[in-house]
Amino acid sequence: MASAILTYHVVAGNVSAAQLLEMIKAGNGKAELTTVAGGKLTASLKGKNVVLTDEKGGMATVTTKDVNQKNGVIHLIDHVVLLKS
């Protein structure tokens, strides 16, 4: 169960904040992201903030963007997002 929660917070690829904003813009205000766990997260904007909505309707706001690592880029969020059970 713990690994499913962790992998629900991971999206394959190397998506910068600027690229995510473009995805949201191209999707008319929403971008659907598929997680490594196979779930869906919806990214949208609330004011100037990127917000992720999980499968249960919970929301998390990106608090720190573009933390570049060797294996990808991290965007920190303020809440845990959960899989639909």
PDB file of N, CA and C in Angstrom:
ATOM      1  N   MET A   1       0.826  -1.198   0.000  1.00  0.00           N
ATOM      2  CA  MET A   1       0.000   0.000   0.000  1.00  0.00           C
ATOM      3  C   MET A   1       0.865   1.255   0.000  1.00  0.00           C
ATOM      4  N   ALA A   2       1.923   1.270   0.825  1.00  0.00           N
ATOM      5  CA  ALA A   2       2.778   2.451   0.901  1.00  0.00           C
ATOM      6  C   ALA A   2       3.446   2.730  -0.437  1.00  0.00           C
ATOM      7  N   SER A   3       3.881   1.669  -1.136  1.00  0.00           N
ATOM      8  CA  SER A   3       4.522   1.896  -2.430  1.00  0.00           C
ATOM      9  C   SER A   3       3.533   2.438  -3.451  1.00  0.00           C
ATOM     10  N   ALA A   4       2.262   2.034  -3.374  1.00  0.00           N
ATOM     11  CA  ALA A   4       1.244   2.554  -4.290  1.00  0.00           C
ATOM     12  C   ALA A   4       1.025   4.047  -4.045  1.00  0.00           C
ATOM     13  N   ILE A   5       1.021   4.446  -2.781  1.00  0.00           N
ATOM     14  CA  ILE A   5       0.863   5.878  -2.467  1.00  0.00           C
ATOM     15  C   ILE A   5       2.060   6.662  -2.989  1.00  0.00           C
ATOM     16  N   LEU A   6       3.263   6.125  -2.772  1.00  0.00           N
ATOM     17  CA  LEU A   6       4.465   6.822  -3.242  1.00  0.00           C
ATOM     18  C   LEU A   6       4.488   6.943  -4.760  1.00  0.00           C
ATOM     19  N   THR A   7       4.190   5.847  -5.465  1.00  0.00           N
ATOM     20  CA  THR A   7       4.251   5.901  -6.931  1.00  0.00           C
ATOM     21  C   THR A   7       3.094   6.684  -7.532  1.00  0.00           C
ATOM     22  N   TYR A   8       2.032   6.929  -6.749  1.00  0.00           N
ATOM     23  CA  TYR A   8       0.940   7.794  -7.209  1.00  0.00           C
ATOM     24  C   TYR A   8       1.410   9.257  -7.255  1.00  0.00           C
ATOM     25  N   HIS A   9       2.489   9.562  -6.564  1.00  0.00           N
ATOM     26  CA  HIS A   9       3.053  10.911  -6.550  1.00  0.00           C
ATOM     27  C   HIS A   9       4.130  11.103  -7.613  1.00  0.00           C
ATOM     28  N   VAL A  10       4.333  10.113  -8.488  1.00  0.00           N
ATOM     29  CA  VAL A  10       5.384  10.173  -9.501  1.00  0.00           C
ATOM     30  C   VAL A  10       4.767  10.070 -10.890  1.00  0.00           C
ATOM     31  N   VAL A  11       5.184  10.978 -11.773  1.00  0.00           N
ATOM     32  CA  VAL A  11       4.778  10.957 -13.178  1.00  0.00           C
ATOM     33  C   VAL A  11       6.050  10.733 -13.996  1.00  0.00           C
ATOM     34  N   ALA A  12       5.990   9.795 -14.923  1.00  0.00           N
ATOM     35  CA  ALA A  12       7.160   9.505 -15.751  1.00  0.00           C
ATOM     36  C   ALA A  12       7.493  10.707 -16.628  1.00  0.00           C
ATOM     37  N   GLY A  13       8.767  10.886 -16.862  1.00  0.00           N
ATOM     38  CA  GLY A  13       9.202  11.987 -17.721  1.00  0.00           C
ATOM     39  C   GLY A  13       9.908  13.059 -16.923  1.00  0.00           C
ATOM     40  N   ASN A  14      10.250  14.098 -17.598  1.00  0.00           N
ATOM     41  CA  ASN A  14      11.002  15.206 -17.016  1.00  0.00           C
ATOM     42  C   ASN A  14      10.261  16.484 -17.369  1.00  0.00           C
ATOM     43  N   VAL A  15       9.200  16.794 -16.616  1.00  0.00           N
ATOM     44  CA  VAL A  15       8.304  17.909 -16.940  1.00  0.00           C
ATOM     45  C   VAL A  15       8.615  19.108 -16.047  1.00  0.00           C
ATOM     46  N   SER A  16       9.065  20.180 -16.658  1.00  0.00           N
ATOM     47  CA  SER A  16       9.337  21.408 -15.912  1.00  0.00           C
ATOM     48  C   SER A  16       8.023  22.125 -15.606  1.00  0.00           C
ATOM     49  N   ALA A  17       8.084  23.099 -14.716  1.00  0.00           N
ATOM     50  CA  ALA A  17       6.897  23.891 -14.397  1.00  0.00           C
ATOM     51  C   ALA A  17       6.389  24.610 -15.643  1.00  0.00           C
ATOM     52  N   ALA A  18       7.297  25.133 -16.453  1.00  0.00           N
ATOM     53  CA  ALA A  18       6.894  25.834 -17.683  1.00  0.00           C
ATOM     54  C   ALA A  18       6.185  24.877 -18.646  1.00  0.00           C
ATOM     55  N   GLN A  19       6.701  23.648 -18.757  1.00  0.00           N
ATOM     56  CA  GLN A  19       6.064  22.659 -19.631  1.00  0.00           C
ATOM     57  C   GLN A  19       4.686  22.271 -19.095  1.00  0.00           C
ATOM     58  N   LEU A  20       4.559  22.138 -17.789  1.00  0.00           N
ATOM     59  CA  LEU A  20       3.268  21.804 -17.198  1.00  0.00           C
ATOM     60  C   LEU A  20       2.259  22.915 -17.438  1.00  0.00           C
ATOM     61  N   LEU A  21       2.690  24.164 -17.317  1.00  0.00           N
ATOM     62  CA  LEU A  21       1.795  25.286 -17.610  1.00  0.00           C
ATOM     63  C   LEU A  21       1.322  25.261 -19.060  1.00  0.00           C
ATOM     64  N   GLU A  22       2.211  24.906 -19.965  1.00  0.00           N
ATOM     65  CA  GLU A  22       1.827  24.787 -21.379  1.00  0.00           C
ATOM     66  C   GLU A  22       0.824  23.659 -21.585  1.00  0.00           C
ATOM     67  N   MET A  23       1.017  22.546 -20.872  1.00  0.00           N
ATOM     68  CA  MET A  23       0.080  21.425 -20.961  1.00  0.00           C
ATOM     69  C   MET A  23      -1.307  21.840 -20.454  1.00  0.00           C
ATOM     70  N   ILE A  24      -1.338  22.597 -19.367  1.00  0.00           N
ATOM     71  CA  ILE A  24      -2.605  23.077 -18.812  1.00  0.00           C
ATOM     72  C   ILE A  24      -3.278  24.022 -19.808  1.00  0.00           C
ATOM     73  N   LYS A  25      -2.499  24.919 -20.381  1.00  0.00           N
ATOM     74  CA  LYS A  25      -3.023  25.863 -21.368  1.00  0.00           C
ATOM     75  C   LYS A  25      -3.572  25.126 -22.594  1.00  0.00           C
ATOM     76  N   ALA A  26      -2.829  24.141 -23.099  1.00  0.00           N
ATOM     77  CA  ALA A  26      -3.247  23.372 -24.279  1.00  0.00           C
ATOM     78  C   ALA A  26      -4.504  22.550 -23.995  1.00  0.00           C
ATOM     79  N   GLY A  27      -4.712  22.179 -22.738  1.00  0.00           N
ATOM     80  CA  GLY A  27      -5.875  21.384 -22.347  1.00  0.00           C
ATOM     81  C   GLY A  27      -7.048  22.233 -21.897  1.00  0.00           C
ATOM     82  N   ASN A  28      -7.052  23.507 -22.290  1.00  0.00           N
ATOM     83  CA  ASN A  28      -8.136  24.430 -21.908  1.00  0.00           C
ATOM     84  C   ASN A  28      -8.325  24.514 -20.398  1.00  0.00           C
ATOM     85  N   GLY A  29      -7.212  24.593 -19.685  1.00  0.00           N
ATOM     86  CA  GLY A  29      -7.260  24.802 -18.243  1.00  0.00           C
ATOM     87  C   GLY A  29      -6.977  23.573 -17.406  1.00  0.00           C
ATOM     88  N   LYS A  30      -6.805  22.411 -18.054  1.00  0.00           N
ATOM     89  CA  LYS A  30      -6.529  21.189 -17.300  1.00  0.00           C
ATOM     90  C   LYS A  30      -5.557  20.302 -18.059  1.00  0.00           C
ATOM     91  N   ALA A  31      -4.708  19.622 -17.322  1.00  0.00           N
ATOM     92  CA  ALA A  31      -3.799  18.629 -17.904  1.00  0.00           C
ATOM     93  C   ALA A  31      -3.942  17.352 -17.095  1.00  0.00           C
ATOM     94  N   GLU A  32      -4.245  16.252 -17.767  1.00  0.00           N
ATOM     95  CA  GLU A  32      -4.349  14.965 -17.085  1.00  0.00           C
ATOM     96  C   GLU A  32      -2.995  14.281 -17.111  1.00  0.00           C
ATOM     97  N   LEU A  33      -2.547  13.884 -15.933  1.00  0.00           N
ATOM     98  CA  LEU A  33      -1.249  13.240 -15.779  1.00  0.00           C
ATOM     99  C   LEU A  33      -1.454  11.810 -15.320  1.00  0.00           C
ATOM    100  N   THR A  34      -0.763  10.879 -15.939  1.00  0.00           N
ATOM    101  CA  THR A  34      -0.823   9.478 -15.526  1.00  0.00           C
ATOM    102  C   THR A  34       0.364   9.202 -14.617  1.00  0.00           C
ATOM    103  N   THR A  35       0.082   8.686 -13.438  1.00  0.00           N
ATOM    104  CA  THR A  35       1.135   8.414 -12.466  1.00  0.00           C
ATOM    105  C   THR A  35       1.772   7.054 -12.721  1.00  0.00           C
ATOM    106  N   VAL A  36       2.925   6.834 -12.119  1.00  0.00           N
ATOM    107  CA  VAL A  36       3.609   5.552 -12.238  1.00  0.00           C
ATOM    108  C   VAL A  36       2.731   4.429 -11.684  1.00  0.00           C
ATOM    109  N   ALA A  37       1.880   4.736 -10.715  1.00  0.00           N
ATOM    110  CA  ALA A  37       0.967   3.747 -10.136  1.00  0.00           C
ATOM    111  C   ALA A  37      -0.208   3.445 -11.063  1.00  0.00           C
ATOM    112  N   GLY A  38      -0.321   4.201 -12.161  1.00  0.00           N
ATOM    113  CA  GLY A  38      -1.415   3.978 -13.108  1.00  0.00           C
ATOM    114  C   GLY A  38      -2.633   4.831 -12.836  1.00  0.00           C
ATOM    115  N   GLY A  39      -2.566   5.682 -11.840  1.00  0.00           N
ATOM    116  CA  GLY A  39      -3.672   6.571 -11.519  1.00  0.00           C
ATOM    117  C   GLY A  39      -3.631   7.849 -12.330  1.00  0.00           C
ATOM    118  N   LYS A  40      -4.596   8.706 -12.088  1.00  0.00           N
ATOM    119  CA  LYS A  40      -4.693   9.983 -12.796  1.00  0.00           C
ATOM    120  C   LYS A  40      -4.663  11.140 -11.805  1.00  0.00           C
ATOM    121  N   LEU A  41      -3.938  12.175 -12.163  1.00  0.00           N
ATOM    122  CA  LEU A  41      -3.951  13.453 -11.467  1.00  0.00           C
ATOM    123  C   LEU A  41      -4.331  14.506 -12.490  1.00  0.00           C
ATOM    124  N   THR A  42      -5.110  15.483 -12.081  1.00  0.00           N
ATOM    125  CA  THR A  42      -5.466  16.577 -12.968  1.00  0.00           C
ATOM    126  C   THR A  42      -4.790  17.844 -12.474  1.00  0.00           C
ATOM    127  N   ALA A  43      -3.984  18.454 -13.326  1.00  0.00           N
ATOM    128  CA  ALA A  43      -3.303  19.713 -13.001  1.00  0.00           C
ATOM    129  C   ALA A  43      -4.122  20.868 -13.571  1.00  0.00           C
ATOM    130  N   SER A  44      -4.266  21.913 -12.776  1.00  0.00           N
ATOM    131  CA  SER A  44      -4.970  23.110 -13.215  1.00  0.00           C
ATOM    132  C   SER A  44      -4.382  24.306 -12.475  1.00  0.00           C
ATOM    133  N   LEU A  45      -4.880  25.476 -12.802  1.00  0.00           N
ATOM    134  CA  LEU A  45      -4.409  26.690 -12.130  1.00  0.00           C
ATOM    135  C   LEU A  45      -5.486  27.234 -11.213  1.00  0.00           C
ATOM    136  N   LYS A  46      -5.064  27.689 -10.037  1.00  0.00           N
ATOM    137  CA  LYS A  46      -5.920  28.409  -9.110  1.00  0.00           C
ATOM    138  C   LYS A  46      -5.176  29.702  -8.829  1.00  0.00           C
ATOM    139  N   GLY A  47      -5.584  30.756  -9.519  1.00  0.00           N
ATOM    140  CA  GLY A  47      -4.796  31.979  -9.502  1.00  0.00           C
ATOM    141  C   GLY A  47      -3.502  31.726 -10.245  1.00  0.00           C
ATOM    142  N   LYS A  48      -2.375  31.971  -9.599  1.00  0.00           N
ATOM    143  CA  LYS A  48      -1.071  31.712 -10.205  1.00  0.00           C
ATOM    144  C   LYS A  48      -0.480  30.369  -9.765  1.00  0.00           C
ATOM    145  N   ASN A  49      -1.210  29.622  -8.938  1.00  0.00           N
ATOM    146  CA  ASN A  49      -0.703  28.367  -8.394  1.00  0.00           C
ATOM    147  C   ASN A  49      -1.171  27.169  -9.205  1.00  0.00           C
ATOM    148  N   VAL A  50      -0.270  26.201  -9.373  1.00  0.00           N
ATOM    149  CA  VAL A  50      -0.642  24.926  -9.985  1.00  0.00           C
ATOM    150  C   VAL A  50      -1.219  24.052  -8.883  1.00  0.00           C
ATOM    151  N   VAL A  51      -2.399  23.494  -9.162  1.00  0.00           N
ATOM    152  CA  VAL A  51      -3.102  22.640  -8.211  1.00  0.00           C
ATOM    153  C   VAL A  51      -3.285  21.266  -8.849  1.00  0.00           C
ATOM    154  N   LEU A  52      -3.045  20.220  -8.059  1.00  0.00           N
ATOM    155  CA  LEU A  52      -3.285  18.848  -8.498  1.00  0.00           C
ATOM    156  C   LEU A  52      -4.532  18.331  -7.808  1.00  0.00           C
ATOM    157  N   THR A  53      -5.423  17.739  -8.587  1.00  0.00           N
ATOM    158  CA  THR A  53      -6.619  17.114  -8.032  1.00  0.00           C
ATOM    159  C   THR A  53      -6.478  15.612  -8.212  1.00  0.00           C
ATOM    160  N   ASP A  54      -6.655  14.876  -7.113  1.00  0.00           N
ATOM    161  CA  ASP A  54      -6.502  13.422  -7.184  1.00  0.00           C
ATOM    162  C   ASP A  54      -7.827  12.756  -7.532  1.00  0.00           C
ATOM    163  N   GLU A  55      -7.808  11.442  -7.593  1.00  0.00           N
ATOM    164  CA  GLU A  55      -8.979  10.670  -8.000  1.00  0.00           C
ATOM    165  C   GLU A  55     -10.106  10.705  -6.980  1.00  0.00           C
ATOM    166  N   LYS A  56      -9.813  11.120  -5.751  1.00  0.00           N
ATOM    167  CA  LYS A  56     -10.834  11.223  -4.712  1.00  0.00           C
ATOM    168  C   LYS A  56     -11.368  12.653  -4.584  1.00  0.00           C
ATOM    169  N   GLY A  57     -10.846  13.558  -5.409  1.00  0.00           N
ATOM    170  CA  GLY A  57     -11.272  14.952  -5.333  1.00  0.00           C
ATOM    171  C   GLY A  57     -10.445  15.803  -4.398  1.00  0.00           C
ATOM    172  N   GLY A  58      -9.415  15.203  -3.788  1.00  0.00           N
ATOM    173  CA  GLY A  58      -8.516  15.966  -2.925  1.00  0.00           C
ATOM    174  C   GLY A  58      -7.616  16.861  -3.760  1.00  0.00           C
ATOM    175  N   MET A  59      -7.156  17.933  -3.155  1.00  0.00           N
ATOM    176  CA  MET A  59      -6.331  18.894  -3.888  1.00  0.00           C
ATOM    177  C   MET A  59      -5.027  19.168  -3.150  1.00  0.00           C
ATOM    178  N   ALA A  60      -3.974  19.375  -3.937  1.00  0.00           N
ATOM    179  CA  ALA A  60      -2.659  19.741  -3.416  1.00  0.00           C
ATOM    180  C   ALA A  60      -2.105  20.856  -4.287  1.00  0.00           C
ATOM    181  N   THR A  61      -1.488  21.831  -3.664  1.00  0.00           N
ATOM    182  CA  THR A  61      -0.900  22.965  -4.371  1.00  0.00           C
ATOM    183  C   THR A  61       0.609  22.787  -4.469  1.00  0.00           C
ATOM    184  N   VAL A  62       1.164  23.075  -5.634  1.00  0.00           N
ATOM    185  CA  VAL A  62       2.618  23.040  -5.807  1.00  0.00           C
ATOM    186  C   VAL A  62       3.201  24.217  -5.039  1.00  0.00           C
ATOM    187  N   THR A  63       4.095  23.910  -4.096  1.00  0.00           N
ATOM    188  CA  THR A  63       4.695  24.959  -3.264  1.00  0.00           C
ATOM    189  C   THR A  63       6.110  25.315  -3.695  1.00  0.00           C
ATOM    190  N   THR A  64       6.809  24.359  -4.276  1.00  0.00           N
ATOM    191  CA  THR A  64       8.164  24.577  -4.792  1.00  0.00           C
ATOM    192  C   THR A  64       8.254  23.860  -6.126  1.00  0.00           C
ATOM    193  N   LYS A  65       8.736  24.549  -7.140  1.00  0.00           N
ATOM    194  CA  LYS A  65       8.791  23.954  -8.479  1.00  0.00           C
ATOM    195  C   LYS A  65      10.237  23.783  -8.939  1.00  0.00           C
ATOM    196  N   ASP A  66      10.384  22.891  -9.920  1.00  0.00           N
ATOM    197  CA  ASP A  66      11.646  22.718 -10.637  1.00  0.00           C
ATOM    198  C   ASP A  66      12.861  22.424  -9.756  1.00  0.00           C
ATOM    199  N   VAL A  67      12.735  21.416  -8.901  1.00  0.00           N
ATOM    200  CA  VAL A  67      13.885  20.929  -8.136  1.00  0.00           C
ATOM    201  C   VAL A  67      14.504  19.834  -9.002  1.00  0.00           C
ATOM    202  N   ASN A  68      15.511  20.206  -9.766  1.00  0.00           N
ATOM    203  CA  ASN A  68      16.112  19.292 -10.735  1.00  0.00           C
ATOM    204  C   ASN A  68      17.030  18.287 -10.062  1.00  0.00           C
ATOM    205  N   GLN A  69      16.847  17.024 -10.448  1.00  0.00           N
ATOM    206  CA  GLN A  69      17.648  15.916  -9.949  1.00  0.00           C
ATOM    207  C   GLN A  69      18.197  15.144 -11.149  1.00  0.00           C
ATOM    208  N   LYS A  70      19.088  14.213 -10.912  1.00  0.00           N
ATOM    209  CA  LYS A  70      19.665  13.422 -12.002  1.00  0.00           C
ATOM    210  C   LYS A  70      18.610  12.603 -12.733  1.00  0.00           C
ATOM    211  N   ASN A  71      17.612  12.107 -12.006  1.00  0.00           N
ATOM    212  CA  ASN A  71      16.616  11.225 -12.609  1.00  0.00           C
ATOM    213  C   ASN A  71      15.287  11.914 -12.918  1.00  0.00           C
ATOM    214  N   GLY A  72      15.226  13.230 -12.827  1.00  0.00           N
ATOM    215  CA  GLY A  72      13.985  13.944 -13.155  1.00  0.00           C
ATOM    216  C   GLY A  72      13.896  15.275 -12.442  1.00  0.00           C
ATOM    217  N   VAL A  73      12.691  15.785 -12.407  1.00  0.00           N
ATOM    218  CA  VAL A  73      12.437  17.070 -11.764  1.00  0.00           C
ATOM    219  C   VAL A  73      11.339  16.877 -10.723  1.00  0.00           C
ATOM    220  N   ILE A  74      11.505  17.510  -9.573  1.00  0.00           N
ATOM    221  CA  ILE A  74      10.563  17.385  -8.468  1.00  0.00           C
ATOM    222  C   ILE A  74       9.807  18.699  -8.312  1.00  0.00           C
ATOM    223  N   HIS A  75       8.512  18.573  -8.065  1.00  0.00           N
ATOM    224  CA  HIS A  75       7.670  19.713  -7.705  1.00  0.00           C
ATOM    225  C   HIS A  75       7.041  19.351  -6.354  1.00  0.00           C
ATOM    226  N   LEU A  76       7.342  20.115  -5.323  1.00  0.00           N
ATOM    227  CA  LEU A  76       6.834  19.818  -3.989  1.00  0.00           C
ATOM    228  C   LEU A  76       5.387  20.283  -3.862  1.00  0.00           C
ATOM    229  N   ILE A  77       4.570  19.483  -3.167  1.00  0.00           N
ATOM    230  CA  ILE A  77       3.166  19.821  -2.954  1.00  0.00           C
ATOM    231  C   ILE A  77       2.867  19.878  -1.462  1.00  0.00           C
ATOM    232  N   ASP A  78       1.763  20.527  -1.108  1.00  0.00           N
ATOM    233  CA  ASP A  78       1.440  20.754   0.298  1.00  0.00           C
ATOM    234  C   ASP A  78       0.531  19.709   0.934  1.00  0.00           C
ATOM    235  N   HIS A  79       0.037  18.746   0.173  1.00  0.00           N
ATOM    236  CA  HIS A  79      -0.807  17.688   0.695  1.00  0.00           C
ATOM    237  C   HIS A  79      -0.499  16.366  -0.002  1.00  0.00           C
ATOM    238  N   VAL A  80      -0.888  15.284   0.643  1.00  0.00           N
ATOM    239  CA  VAL A  80      -0.781  13.962   0.031  1.00  0.00           C
ATOM    240  C   VAL A  80      -1.948  13.802  -0.934  1.00  0.00           C
ATOM    241  N   VAL A  81      -1.676  13.251  -2.123  1.00  0.00           N
ATOM    242  CA  VAL A  81      -2.744  12.931  -3.068  1.00  0.00           C
ATOM    243  C   VAL A  81      -2.974  11.422  -3.005  1.00  0.00           C
ATOM    244  N   LEU A  82      -4.243  11.010  -3.193  1.00  0.00           N
ATOM    245  CA  LEU A  82      -4.595   9.612  -2.954  1.00  0.00           C
ATOM    246  C   LEU A  82      -5.245   8.957  -4.169  1.00  0.00           C
ATOM    247  N   LEU A  83      -4.961   7.667  -4.303  1.00  0.00           N
ATOM    248  CA  LEU A  83      -5.586   6.834  -5.321  1.00  0.00           C
ATOM    249  C   LEU A  83      -7.050   6.609  -4.994  1.00  0.00           C
ATOM    250  N   LYS A  84      -7.845   6.443  -6.014  1.00  0.00           N
ATOM    251  CA  LYS A  84      -9.230   6.056  -5.821  1.00  0.00           C
ATOM    252  C   LYS A  84      -9.236   4.591  -5.403  1.00  0.00           C
ATOM    253  N   SER A  85      -9.964   4.270  -4.350  1.00  0.00           N
ATOM    254  CA  SER A  85      -9.969   2.869  -3.888  1.00  0.00           C
ATOM    255  C   SER A  85     -11.291   2.191  -4.168  1.00  0.00           C
TER     256      SER A  85
END
